[in-house]
Protein backbone atom coordinates (compact mmCIF):
# COMPACT_ATOMS: atom_id res chain seq x y z
CA MET A 1 110.31 169.06 147.17
CA ASN A 2 108.16 167.23 144.68
CA ASN A 3 108.42 163.97 143.96
CA LEU A 4 106.54 163.62 139.89
CA SER A 5 107.26 159.74 139.42
CA TRP A 6 103.83 157.00 138.24
CA SER A 7 102.78 154.52 138.70
CA LYS A 8 102.40 151.89 135.96
CA GLU A 9 98.93 152.01 136.20
CA SER A 10 98.18 155.86 136.88
CA THR A 11 99.25 156.79 132.57
CA PRO A 12 97.92 157.36 130.13
CA LYS A 13 98.66 154.51 127.72
CA LYS A 14 98.09 151.24 129.10
CA THR A 15 100.28 149.13 126.99
CA ILE A 16 97.52 145.62 125.69
CA GLU A 17 99.42 142.06 125.84
CA LYS A 18 98.50 140.02 123.12
CA GLU A 19 97.62 136.67 124.04
CA GLU A 20 98.57 134.77 121.07
CA PRO A 21 97.41 131.50 120.77
CA PRO A 22 99.42 128.57 121.36
CA LYS A 23 100.94 127.15 118.78
CA PRO A 24 100.62 123.51 118.27
CA LYS A 25 103.35 120.47 118.63
CA LYS A 26 104.89 119.76 115.47
CA LYS A 27 104.82 115.38 115.48
CA ILE A 28 108.41 114.40 115.31
CA SER A 29 109.30 111.95 113.09
CA TYR A 30 112.06 109.75 113.49
CA LYS A 31 112.18 107.94 110.03
CA LYS A 32 115.31 109.58 108.93
CA GLU A 33 116.94 108.46 111.99
CA ILE A 34 115.73 105.11 112.01
CA GLU A 35 117.08 104.78 108.33
CA ASP A 36 120.52 105.75 109.32
CA LEU A 37 120.86 103.76 112.65
CA GLU A 38 120.04 100.94 109.68
CA LYS A 39 122.27 101.50 107.78
CA VAL A 40 124.83 101.54 110.57
CA LYS A 41 123.34 98.18 111.55
CA SER A 42 123.64 96.66 107.89
CA ARG A 43 126.69 97.74 107.59
CA LEU A 44 128.10 96.16 110.92
CA LYS A 45 126.69 93.24 110.31
CA GLU A 46 128.16 92.92 106.72
CA LYS A 47 132.12 94.13 108.64
CA TYR A 48 131.73 91.94 111.18
CA GLU A 49 129.70 89.29 110.81
CA VAL A 50 132.25 86.80 110.94
CA PHE A 51 134.35 87.69 113.96
CA ALA A 52 132.63 86.55 117.13
CA ILE A 53 133.90 89.07 119.14
CA ASN A 54 131.20 90.79 122.37
CA ARG A 55 131.92 94.58 121.59
CA ILE A 56 131.11 94.56 118.43
CA SER A 57 127.79 91.66 119.03
CA ASN A 58 127.04 94.38 122.12
CA ALA A 59 126.93 97.17 119.71
CA ILE A 60 124.78 95.48 117.13
CA LEU A 61 121.97 95.05 119.62
CA GLU A 62 122.51 98.14 120.72
CA VAL A 63 121.96 99.47 117.59
CA GLU A 64 118.65 97.46 117.11
CA THR A 65 117.43 98.44 120.66
CA ALA A 66 117.76 102.08 119.95
CA ILE A 67 115.81 101.54 116.37
CA GLN A 68 113.20 99.59 117.91
CA ASN A 69 112.60 102.29 121.23
CA LEU A 70 112.47 105.06 118.77
CA LYS A 71 109.95 102.96 117.11
CA LYS A 72 107.68 102.92 120.03
CA GLN A 73 108.63 106.58 121.00
CA GLU A 74 107.17 107.12 116.82
CA TYR A 75 104.21 105.19 117.96
CA TYR A 76 103.18 106.55 121.53
CA ASP A 77 104.07 110.38 120.07
CA ALA A 78 101.51 110.14 117.51
């Protein structure tokens, strides 16, 4: 019996591997997210400023912290 299998290296037409140059990373802009969070924070303050509810004040603090963290991340990514 004849075994007529060809190895990959011995084929007459070799495929040429093209190496693509690495793409430059896009600078991520958090401007839209920061603006949205600031709108949410201002709405919370307007609506619940009179009430001294811990959950709401904690939510406002968390939104402020998120805004600060996004600003820091944007600064370090630059």
